[in-house]
Amino acid sequence: MPIPTTPMKSSIFASSGIILLSAVLAGCQGSSPSVAPGFTADVHGDIGPGHGADSKRWSAPNAVFAPDLSNAEFKPGSWAWEDGVLVAKGGGDIWTREAYGDFVLNLDFRCQEKANSGVFLRCSDIPDWLNSAIEIQILQGDAPDKHLVGAVYDCVAPTRQIEIVPGTWYHYTITAIGKNIKVVLNGEELVDMKLDQWKEAGKNPDGTPNKFKKAYKDMAKSGRIGLQYHTNKVEFRNIVVDRL
C-alpha cells in the first residue's frame, strides 16, 4: 500500500533532491579533466602510463616543452607553437635543456608528404647527436626497412611498415628503461630493442652495417630529448613525459 505524503513532506523531499543533485554536479565538475594550455587532451588523465595525477606508481606526466619554449634549445625562428601544435619551421632541431634517463614519452606527430623527422632519446652531445642519441624515425614515404617510421634509425626495423598519410595525426609511445627501448605507434608495438645486443660500433647484431661510431650498448643512460627537422613540414602536439 503506498504511503501517502503530505505537501510539506513532498516539498522537503524535492528540496533534498535538488540539494543532492547540485552536490553531485559540483563534484563532477570538480573532478572533470583539466586540459592544459597547448594540449588537446588531459595530460593528467588521458596521456601516458601514469593515467592521472593520483597514480600510485607514476607522477602526472609533464609537458616536455614549455608554452614559451623557455626550457628548450633551438635556433630562433625554427620552431613555434601554433594553436597548441609545435611546428618545425626549418633550420634545425629542438632539444630539451633537461636530461632524462628512464622515461615514457608520448606525443602526436603529423607529416607533410615526404617529411623526414625523428625523436631523439638520451642525447649526451648535441653537436655530435648522430653518435650520441638514439633516434626513433618519423618518415612519410618508402625507405629501407631500418629507416621506416617506427625504426630505431639504422639499427632496428619496425615489425611491419606503417603507411603514414600526409596530414594525419599519429601517436607514439616510446619507453626507455635501462638498456631497453620500446616503440609503440598507435597502440601497436613496432620495436623492442635490447641495447646490450649492439656490441660493436658500426655493426648491428644481424650483421648489417650502421652509421654509428659508438656501439649502442655504450650509449648514455641519460640525456636530452629532441625533435628533428630534416625535410618538409612536421608538427607535434601532446608531448608529455613520465619519469620512471
Protein backbone atom coordinates (compact mmCIF):
# COMPACT_ATOMS: atom_id res chain seq x y z
CA MET A 1 0.00 0.00 0.00
CA PRO A 2 1.53 3.35 -0.98
CA ILE A 3 2.42 5.64 1.89
CA PRO A 4 0.69 9.00 1.48
CA THR A 5 2.83 12.08 1.76
CA THR A 6 1.73 15.49 2.79
CA PRO A 7 2.53 18.52 0.61
CA MET A 8 5.10 19.59 3.24
CA LYS A 9 6.91 16.26 3.07
CA SER A 10 6.87 16.35 -0.73
CA SER A 11 8.37 19.81 -0.61
CA ILE A 12 11.10 18.63 1.77
CA PHE A 13 11.90 15.61 -0.42
CA ALA A 14 12.03 17.80 -3.54
CA SER A 15 14.33 20.30 -1.85
CA SER A 16 16.60 17.50 -0.62
CA GLY A 17 16.72 16.05 -4.12
CA ILE A 18 17.74 19.41 -5.59
CA ILE A 19 20.47 19.83 -2.98
CA LEU A 20 21.77 16.29 -3.61
CA LEU A 21 21.74 16.76 -7.39
CA SER A 22 23.58 20.07 -7.02
CA ALA A 23 26.23 18.41 -4.90
CA VAL A 24 26.70 15.59 -7.41
CA LEU A 25 27.03 18.05 -10.29
CA ALA A 26 29.51 20.14 -8.34
CA GLY A 27 31.54 17.02 -7.59
CA CYS A 28 31.53 16.04 -11.26
CA GLN A 29 32.66 19.48 -12.29
CA GLY A 30 35.42 19.42 -9.72
CA SER A 31 36.74 16.08 -10.98
CA SER A 32 36.38 16.77 -14.70
CA PRO A 33 39.55 16.58 -16.81
CA SER A 34 41.62 19.73 -16.98
CA VAL A 35 43.06 20.42 -20.39
CA ALA A 36 46.30 22.35 -20.10
CA PRO A 37 47.04 25.22 -22.48
CA GLY A 38 48.63 23.93 -25.67
CA PHE A 39 47.12 20.46 -25.32
CA THR A 40 44.15 18.76 -26.95
CA ALA A 41 43.80 16.17 -24.18
CA ASP A 42 44.09 15.99 -20.41
CA VAL A 43 47.79 15.43 -19.75
CA HIS A 44 46.98 14.06 -16.28
CA GLY A 45 44.27 11.61 -17.27
CA ASP A 46 44.37 10.81 -20.95
CA ILE A 47 48.04 10.63 -21.89
CA GLY A 48 50.86 8.45 -20.67
CA PRO A 49 51.09 5.36 -18.49
CA GLY A 50 50.56 7.37 -15.30
CA HIS A 51 46.83 7.65 -16.06
CA GLY A 52 46.20 10.50 -13.71
CA ALA A 53 47.71 12.74 -11.07
CA ASP A 54 46.66 10.23 -8.38
CA SER A 55 48.56 7.32 -9.90
CA LYS A 56 50.36 5.33 -7.21
CA ARG A 57 53.23 4.35 -9.47
CA TRP A 58 53.86 7.42 -11.59
CA SER A 59 53.50 11.12 -11.03
CA ALA A 60 51.44 13.05 -13.56
CA PRO A 61 53.11 13.35 -16.98
CA ASN A 62 54.85 16.64 -17.63
CA ALA A 63 54.88 18.74 -20.77
CA VAL A 64 58.26 18.33 -22.45
CA PHE A 65 58.32 21.87 -23.86
CA ALA A 66 57.02 24.98 -22.12
CA PRO A 67 54.42 27.22 -23.79
CA ASP A 68 57.15 29.83 -24.40
CA LEU A 69 59.82 27.19 -25.22
CA SER A 70 61.99 28.65 -22.46
CA ASN A 71 63.12 25.15 -21.47
CA ALA A 72 64.26 24.28 -25.00
CA GLU A 73 67.34 24.85 -27.13
CA PHE A 74 66.78 25.63 -30.80
CA LYS A 75 67.69 28.12 -33.48
CA PRO A 76 65.46 31.23 -33.17
CA GLY A 77 62.57 31.08 -35.58
CA SER A 78 63.00 27.38 -36.36
CA TRP A 79 60.20 26.11 -34.08
CA ALA A 80 57.00 27.70 -32.80
CA TRP A 81 53.73 26.86 -31.06
CA GLU A 82 50.69 27.48 -33.26
CA ASP A 83 47.28 26.76 -31.70
CA GLY A 84 48.72 24.10 -29.41
CA VAL A 85 50.83 22.49 -32.13
CA LEU A 86 54.64 22.63 -32.15
CA VAL A 87 55.59 23.37 -35.75
CA ALA A 88 59.02 22.87 -37.33
CA LYS A 89 59.75 25.91 -39.46
CA GLY A 90 63.05 24.61 -40.80
CA GLY A 91 66.58 25.40 -39.73
CA GLY A 92 67.38 22.76 -37.16
CA ASP A 93 66.25 20.52 -34.33
CA ILE A 94 64.81 21.32 -30.91
CA TRP A 95 66.17 19.93 -27.64
CA THR A 96 65.19 19.82 -24.00
CA ARG A 97 67.52 21.54 -21.57
CA GLU A 98 66.87 18.75 -19.07
CA ALA A 99 68.27 15.25 -19.28
CA TYR A 100 66.08 12.17 -18.99
CA GLY A 101 67.12 8.65 -18.06
CA ASP A 102 64.28 6.13 -17.67
CA PHE A 103 61.01 7.50 -19.00
CA VAL A 104 57.93 7.07 -21.15
CA LEU A 105 57.48 9.70 -23.84
CA ASN A 106 54.10 10.23 -25.50
CA LEU A 107 53.49 12.52 -28.45
CA ASP A 108 51.40 13.02 -31.56
CA PHE A 109 53.02 13.82 -34.90
CA ARG A 110 51.73 14.88 -38.30
CA CYS A 111 53.72 14.99 -41.55
CA GLN A 112 53.54 16.56 -44.94
CA GLU A 113 54.33 14.41 -47.95
CA LYS A 114 57.94 13.12 -47.93
CA ALA A 115 58.61 14.58 -44.49
CA ASN A 116 61.62 13.18 -42.64
CA SER A 117 61.95 13.68 -38.90
CA GLY A 118 62.67 11.79 -35.74
CA VAL A 119 62.55 11.68 -31.95
CA PHE A 120 65.93 11.73 -30.22
CA LEU A 121 66.45 9.95 -26.90
CA ARG A 122 69.19 10.40 -24.29
CA CYS A 123 71.41 12.67 -26.34
CA SER A 124 74.65 13.32 -24.47
CA ASP A 125 76.36 15.57 -27.05
CA ILE A 126 74.15 17.75 -29.26
CA PRO A 127 76.90 18.75 -31.73
CA ASP A 128 77.54 15.02 -32.28
CA TRP A 129 73.92 13.89 -31.96
CA LEU A 130 74.37 11.27 -34.70
CA ASN A 131 76.67 9.24 -32.46
CA SER A 132 75.30 10.21 -29.06
CA ALA A 133 71.49 9.97 -29.42
CA ILE A 134 69.08 7.16 -30.18
CA GLU A 135 66.75 8.22 -32.98
CA ILE A 136 63.21 6.91 -33.42
CA GLN A 137 62.39 7.53 -37.05
CA ILE A 138 59.48 9.56 -38.41
CA LEU A 139 59.08 9.29 -42.17
CA GLN A 140 56.37 9.80 -44.76
CA GLY A 141 57.12 7.55 -47.70
CA ASP A 142 59.13 4.47 -48.52
CA ALA A 143 62.69 3.67 -47.41
CA PRO A 144 64.96 0.76 -46.43
CA ASP A 145 63.42 -1.14 -43.52
CA LYS A 146 65.67 0.32 -40.80
CA HIS A 147 64.73 3.85 -41.95
CA LEU A 148 60.93 3.39 -41.88
CA VAL A 149 58.65 5.11 -39.40
CA GLY A 150 58.96 3.35 -36.05
CA ALA A 151 62.50 2.16 -36.65
CA VAL A 152 65.39 2.84 -34.33
CA TYR A 153 67.24 4.60 -37.11
CA ASP A 154 69.76 2.40 -38.92
CA CYS A 155 69.63 -0.21 -36.15
CA VAL A 156 66.23 -1.89 -35.83
CA ALA A 157 63.44 -2.18 -38.40
CA PRO A 158 59.83 -1.98 -37.24
CA THR A 159 57.89 -5.24 -37.17
CA ARG A 160 55.98 -4.00 -40.22
CA GLN A 161 55.72 -0.94 -42.43
CA ILE A 162 53.03 1.53 -41.36
CA GLU A 163 51.60 3.82 -44.02
CA ILE A 164 51.84 7.44 -42.92
CA VAL A 165 49.11 9.51 -44.57
CA PRO A 166 50.10 13.17 -45.02
CA GLY A 167 48.07 15.45 -42.78
CA THR A 168 47.01 12.67 -40.39
CA TRP A 169 47.90 12.61 -36.70
CA TYR A 170 49.74 9.55 -35.31
CA HIS A 171 50.63 8.73 -31.71
CA TYR A 172 53.98 7.49 -30.44
CA THR A 173 54.63 5.92 -27.05
CA ILE A 174 58.37 5.49 -26.58
CA THR A 175 59.73 3.78 -23.48
CA ALA A 176 63.35 3.88 -22.35
CA ILE A 177 64.19 1.76 -19.31
CA GLY A 178 67.82 0.90 -18.74
CA LYS A 179 69.10 -0.88 -21.86
CA ASN A 180 65.60 -1.48 -23.27
CA ILE A 181 63.89 0.75 -25.85
CA LYS A 182 60.28 0.11 -26.92
CA VAL A 183 58.41 1.92 -29.68
CA VAL A 184 54.63 1.81 -29.99
CA LEU A 185 52.77 3.55 -32.83
CA ASN A 186 49.01 3.99 -32.50
CA GLY A 187 48.94 1.20 -29.92
CA GLU A 188 50.99 -1.29 -31.94
CA GLU A 189 54.44 -2.28 -30.72
CA LEU A 190 56.94 -1.95 -33.55
CA VAL A 191 60.28 -2.22 -31.76
CA ASP A 192 61.57 -3.90 -28.60
CA MET A 193 65.31 -3.19 -28.61
CA LYS A 194 67.89 -4.56 -26.19
CA LEU A 195 70.85 -2.18 -26.42
CA ASP A 196 73.27 -4.75 -24.97
CA GLN A 197 72.97 -6.73 -28.20
CA TRP A 198 74.71 -3.90 -30.11
CA LYS A 199 78.24 -4.79 -29.09
CA GLU A 200 80.24 -3.28 -31.97
CA ALA A 201 80.42 0.22 -33.40
CA GLY A 202 79.11 0.38 -36.94
CA LYS A 203 77.53 -3.07 -36.84
CA ASN A 204 74.08 -4.42 -35.99
CA PRO A 205 73.54 -7.82 -34.34
CA ASP A 206 72.17 -9.19 -37.63
CA GLY A 207 75.48 -8.37 -39.32
CA THR A 208 74.26 -5.36 -41.28
CA PRO A 209 76.27 -2.12 -41.01
CA ASN A 210 75.09 1.06 -39.32
CA LYS A 211 76.41 4.63 -39.38
CA PHE A 212 77.47 4.97 -35.78
CA LYS A 213 80.92 5.29 -34.28
CA LYS A 214 79.75 4.03 -30.91
CA ALA A 215 78.33 0.62 -30.01
CA TYR A 216 74.77 1.14 -28.79
CA LYS A 217 75.49 -0.88 -25.63
CA ASP A 218 77.70 2.07 -24.64
CA MET A 219 75.13 4.82 -25.26
CA ALA A 220 74.50 7.22 -22.38
CA LYS A 221 71.95 6.14 -19.78
CA SER A 222 70.61 9.68 -19.57
CA GLY A 223 70.45 12.61 -21.95
CA ARG A 224 68.28 15.13 -23.71
CA ILE A 225 65.12 14.54 -25.68
CA GLY A 226 64.97 16.14 -29.12
CA LEU A 227 62.72 16.51 -32.14
CA GLN A 228 64.28 16.54 -35.58
CA TYR A 229 63.60 18.68 -38.59
CA HIS A 230 65.16 17.12 -41.67
CA THR A 231 62.94 17.70 -44.70
CA ASN A 232 59.43 19.09 -45.20
CA LYS A 233 56.96 20.21 -42.57
CA VAL A 234 56.39 18.13 -39.45
CA GLU A 235 54.25 19.02 -36.44
CA PHE A 236 53.89 17.73 -32.88
CA ARG A 237 51.37 18.05 -30.07
CA ASN A 238 50.58 16.47 -26.67
CA ILE A 239 54.30 15.99 -25.99
CA VAL A 240 54.50 14.66 -22.45
CA VAL A 241 56.97 12.58 -20.47
CA ASP A 242 56.72 10.35 -17.41
CA ARG A 243 59.94 9.81 -15.49
CA LEU A 244 60.13 6.23 -14.25
